[in-house]
Amino acid sequence: MKIITDKLYELQDKEYQVFSAKLIPNIGIDKIIGVRIPEIRKLAKEIKNEEYIEDFLNELPHKYQEEYLLHGIILSIKYKDIDVLLNKLNIFLEYADNWAVTDIISPKLFNKYPDKAYEYILKWINSKKEYKIRFGVVSLLQFYLDDNYDKKILNVVKKIKYDSYYVKMAIAWFYSFALIKQYDDTVKLFESKQLDKWIHNKSIQKAIESYRISDTQKEYLKSLKMR
């Protein structure tokens, strides 16, 4: 949509365009405008209720990375109806093709309707689409390790078998946060060494980088690394 593209180009930073292209190697630089995330968030808040926004959200696929990022942020902040949000997310995720797009989506409405959101998350992590799976795992990390925590999710994530760096990294990221927030339940999984070796070791590596893990816990986790 031209009005959106023009607004994004007004915020262009060509140095950041080059930097972004290095972070997302599967997206060509010609598909990246070069807009910093705080600027995209600010724009999303300014335009989320404009009359043309629904047309923009329905205009898929987009041309530019920043249009996808803007789309994801607007979905995160615009809707109060969980059914509308989940339907729009489901459509949007069909077009997600990199980690930056999936990781920017953070709908706080998931905290208000955790059961309904969880039904969709299960569908996403059991799909065959790389970035649907990643979004599902990241959503569990964001919204289901605190007030909505149930230890069954530790095994739900364990069952994901998808040989992709970005999925496996999301899983390791999830388990590192699970070790930080739900240590007693999660450490048992690492003691039993049921995870993929790479995920197992990467999860421990990320967890022990956190100041929220005690020195005693860090030493014990190091002893659990797979050789």
Foldseek 3Di string as FASTA:
>chain_A
DVVVVVVQLVQADVVQLVVVCVVWVVDDSVQERHHDPVVLLVVLVVPLPPPCVVVLLVDPPDRHPSSLLSSLNSLQPPDPDPVVSLVSVVVSQVNDDTDNSLLSHDRPVCQVVVVVVLVCLLVQCPDLDDSSVLSSLSNCQVRALPPNDDLVVLVSLQPRDDPDPSNLVSSLVSLLSNCLRVVVSSVVCLQVPSHDLVSLQSNLVSNLVDPSQDPVRNVVSVVSHDD
